[in-house]
Amino acid sequence: GAAYISPSHKDIYAFLLLILVLMIRPSGLFGIEAKVKA
């Protein structure tokens, strides 16, 4: 759980979680890319 995540690594775990979500939901990633290019 969160209690075992050290403050110095919290951002890293958050980043990995974001990547995992994007892998599970490709439409979300494509949506971000479309907004950036638009």
PDB file of N, CA and C in Angstrom:
ATOM      1  N   GLY A   1       0.811  -1.212   0.000  1.00  0.00           N
ATOM      2  CA  GLY A   1       0.000   0.000   0.000  1.00  0.00           C
ATOM      3  C   GLY A   1       0.842   1.258   0.000  1.00  0.00           C
ATOM      4  N   ALA A   2       0.206   2.409   0.068  1.00  0.00           N
ATOM      5  CA  ALA A   2       0.901   3.694   0.016  1.00  0.00           C
ATOM      6  C   ALA A   2       1.860   3.854   1.195  1.00  0.00           C
ATOM      7  N   ALA A   3       1.556   3.190   2.319  1.00  0.00           N
ATOM      8  CA  ALA A   3       2.382   3.320   3.515  1.00  0.00           C
ATOM      9  C   ALA A   3       3.790   2.778   3.285  1.00  0.00           C
ATOM     10  N   TYR A   4       3.941   1.900   2.303  1.00  0.00           N
ATOM     11  CA  TYR A   4       5.240   1.292   2.044  1.00  0.00           C
ATOM     12  C   TYR A   4       6.037   2.045   0.977  1.00  0.00           C
ATOM     13  N   ILE A   5       5.427   3.069   0.379  1.00  0.00           N
ATOM     14  CA  ILE A   5       6.113   3.843  -0.660  1.00  0.00           C
ATOM     15  C   ILE A   5       6.834   5.028  -0.022  1.00  0.00           C
ATOM     16  N   SER A   6       8.141   5.093  -0.194  1.00  0.00           N
ATOM     17  CA  SER A   6       8.914   6.190   0.377  1.00  0.00           C
ATOM     18  C   SER A   6       8.660   7.466  -0.415  1.00  0.00           C
ATOM     19  N   PRO A   7       8.715   8.627   0.237  1.00  0.00           N
ATOM     20  CA  PRO A   7       8.450   9.910  -0.430  1.00  0.00           C
ATOM     21  C   PRO A   7       9.315  10.112  -1.668  1.00  0.00           C
ATOM     22  N   SER A   8      10.544   9.633  -1.634  1.00  0.00           N
ATOM     23  CA  SER A   8      11.463   9.842  -2.750  1.00  0.00           C
ATOM     24  C   SER A   8      11.061   9.038  -3.982  1.00  0.00           C
ATOM     25  N   HIS A   9      10.238   8.023  -3.789  1.00  0.00           N
ATOM     26  CA  HIS A   9       9.850   7.173  -4.918  1.00  0.00           C
ATOM     27  C   HIS A   9       8.375   7.349  -5.288  1.00  0.00           C
ATOM     28  N   LYS A  10       7.644   8.166  -4.522  1.00  0.00           N
ATOM     29  CA  LYS A  10       6.206   8.329  -4.770  1.00  0.00           C
ATOM     30  C   LYS A  10       5.943   8.822  -6.187  1.00  0.00           C
ATOM     31  N   ASP A  11       6.735   9.786  -6.660  1.00  0.00           N
ATOM     32  CA  ASP A  11       6.547  10.325  -8.007  1.00  0.00           C
ATOM     33  C   ASP A  11       6.818   9.257  -9.058  1.00  0.00           C
ATOM     34  N   ILE A  12       7.808   8.393  -8.793  1.00  0.00           N
ATOM     35  CA  ILE A  12       8.147   7.334  -9.748  1.00  0.00           C
ATOM     36  C   ILE A  12       6.986   6.345  -9.864  1.00  0.00           C
ATOM     37  N   TYR A  13       6.414   5.960  -8.720  1.00  0.00           N
ATOM     38  CA  TYR A  13       5.294   5.025  -8.746  1.00  0.00           C
ATOM     39  C   TYR A  13       4.088   5.656  -9.436  1.00  0.00           C
ATOM     40  N   ALA A  14       3.886   6.948  -9.223  1.00  0.00           N
ATOM     41  CA  ALA A  14       2.777   7.654  -9.863  1.00  0.00           C
ATOM     42  C   ALA A  14       2.963   7.645 -11.375  1.00  0.00           C
ATOM     43  N   PHE A  15       4.220   7.837 -11.818  1.00  0.00           N
ATOM     44  CA  PHE A  15       4.522   7.834 -13.249  1.00  0.00           C
ATOM     45  C   PHE A  15       4.271   6.451 -13.841  1.00  0.00           C
ATOM     46  N   LEU A  16       4.724   5.411 -13.146  1.00  0.00           N
ATOM     47  CA  LEU A  16       4.524   4.044 -13.628  1.00  0.00           C
ATOM     48  C   LEU A  16       3.033   3.721 -13.698  1.00  0.00           C
ATOM     49  N   LEU A  17       2.273   4.219 -12.717  1.00  0.00           N
ATOM     50  CA  LEU A  17       0.834   3.980 -12.712  1.00  0.00           C
ATOM     51  C   LEU A  17       0.194   4.650 -13.920  1.00  0.00           C
ATOM     52  N   LEU A  18       0.664   5.866 -14.243  1.00  0.00           N
ATOM     53  CA  LEU A  18       0.142   6.589 -15.401  1.00  0.00           C
ATOM     54  C   LEU A  18       0.410   5.807 -16.682  1.00  0.00           C
ATOM     55  N   ILE A  19       1.633   5.288 -16.818  1.00  0.00           N
ATOM     56  CA  ILE A  19       1.987   4.497 -17.997  1.00  0.00           C
ATOM     57  C   ILE A  19       1.098   3.255 -18.085  1.00  0.00           C
ATOM     58  N   LEU A  20       0.865   2.619 -16.939  1.00  0.00           N
ATOM     59  CA  LEU A  20       0.035   1.415 -16.922  1.00  0.00           C
ATOM     60  C   LEU A  20      -1.371   1.735 -17.406  1.00  0.00           C
ATOM     61  N   VAL A  21      -1.927   2.850 -16.932  1.00  0.00           N
ATOM     62  CA  VAL A  21      -3.278   3.255 -17.338  1.00  0.00           C
ATOM     63  C   VAL A  21      -3.322   3.518 -18.835  1.00  0.00           C
ATOM     64  N   LEU A  22      -2.287   4.175 -19.360  1.00  0.00           N
ATOM     65  CA  LEU A  22      -2.245   4.484 -20.789  1.00  0.00           C
ATOM     66  C   LEU A  22      -2.149   3.199 -21.608  1.00  0.00           C
ATOM     67  N   MET A  23      -1.456   2.196 -21.062  1.00  0.00           N
ATOM     68  CA  MET A  23      -1.325   0.915 -21.764  1.00  0.00           C
ATOM     69  C   MET A  23      -2.673   0.194 -21.789  1.00  0.00           C
ATOM     70  N   ILE A  24      -3.410   0.290 -20.685  1.00  0.00           N
ATOM     71  CA  ILE A  24      -4.708  -0.377 -20.587  1.00  0.00           C
ATOM     72  C   ILE A  24      -5.745   0.370 -21.425  1.00  0.00           C
ATOM     73  N   ARG A  25      -5.631   1.706 -21.461  1.00  0.00           N
ATOM     74  CA  ARG A  25      -6.603   2.527 -22.189  1.00  0.00           C
ATOM     75  C   ARG A  25      -5.903   3.352 -23.261  1.00  0.00           C
ATOM     76  N   PRO A  26      -5.559   2.742 -24.395  1.00  0.00           N
ATOM     77  CA  PRO A  26      -4.853   3.440 -25.478  1.00  0.00           C
ATOM     78  C   PRO A  26      -5.617   4.665 -25.967  1.00  0.00           C
ATOM     79  N   SER A  27      -6.944   4.607 -25.921  1.00  0.00           N
ATOM     80  CA  SER A  27      -7.759   5.730 -26.388  1.00  0.00           C
ATOM     81  C   SER A  27      -7.432   6.992 -25.595  1.00  0.00           C
ATOM     82  N   GLY A  28      -7.086   6.825 -24.316  1.00  0.00           N
ATOM     83  CA  GLY A  28      -6.728   7.972 -23.491  1.00  0.00           C
ATOM     84  C   GLY A  28      -5.445   8.603 -23.999  1.00  0.00           C
ATOM     85  N   LEU A  29      -4.455   7.757 -24.356  1.00  0.00           N
ATOM     86  CA  LEU A  29      -3.178   8.253 -24.858  1.00  0.00           C
ATOM     87  C   LEU A  29      -3.378   8.972 -26.185  1.00  0.00           C
ATOM     88  N   PHE A  30      -4.161   8.362 -27.074  1.00  0.00           N
ATOM     89  CA  PHE A  30      -4.415   8.969 -28.382  1.00  0.00           C
ATOM     90  C   PHE A  30      -5.169  10.283 -28.213  1.00  0.00           C
ATOM     91  N   GLY A  31      -6.057  10.342 -27.223  1.00  0.00           N
ATOM     92  CA  GLY A  31      -6.812  11.565 -26.971  1.00  0.00           C
ATOM     93  C   GLY A  31      -5.873  12.696 -26.583  1.00  0.00           C
ATOM     94  N   ILE A  32      -4.865  12.395 -25.742  1.00  0.00           N
ATOM     95  CA  ILE A  32      -3.888  13.396 -25.320  1.00  0.00           C
ATOM     96  C   ILE A  32      -3.072  13.860 -26.520  1.00  0.00           C
ATOM     97  N   GLU A  33      -2.640  12.922 -27.351  1.00  0.00           N
ATOM     98  CA  GLU A  33      -1.833  13.265 -28.524  1.00  0.00           C
ATOM     99  C   GLU A  33      -2.632  14.155 -29.476  1.00  0.00           C
ATOM    100  N   ALA A  34      -3.911  13.839 -29.644  1.00  0.00           N
ATOM    101  CA  ALA A  34      -4.763  14.615 -30.545  1.00  0.00           C
ATOM    102  C   ALA A  34      -4.885  16.053 -30.043  1.00  0.00           C
ATOM    103  N   LYS A  35      -5.022  16.224 -28.716  1.00  0.00           N
ATOM    104  CA  LYS A  35      -5.150  17.561 -28.145  1.00  0.00           C
ATOM    105  C   LYS A  35      -3.855  18.339 -28.321  1.00  0.00           C
ATOM    106  N   VAL A  36      -2.723  17.664 -28.179  1.00  0.00           N
ATOM    107  CA  VAL A  36      -1.425  18.329 -28.309  1.00  0.00           C
ATOM    108  C   VAL A  36      -1.198  18.788 -29.743  1.00  0.00           C
ATOM    109  N   LYS A  37      -1.566  17.933 -30.703  1.00  0.00           N
ATOM    110  CA  LYS A  37      -1.345  18.258 -32.118  1.00  0.00           C
ATOM    111  C   LYS A  37      -2.361  19.287 -32.619  1.00  0.00           C
ATOM    112  N   ALA A  38      -3.549  19.299 -32.034  1.00  0.00           N
ATOM    113  CA  ALA A  38      -4.611  20.201 -32.489  1.00  0.00           C
ATOM    114  C   ALA A  38      -4.205  21.663 -32.264  1.00  0.00           C
TER     115      ALA A  38
END
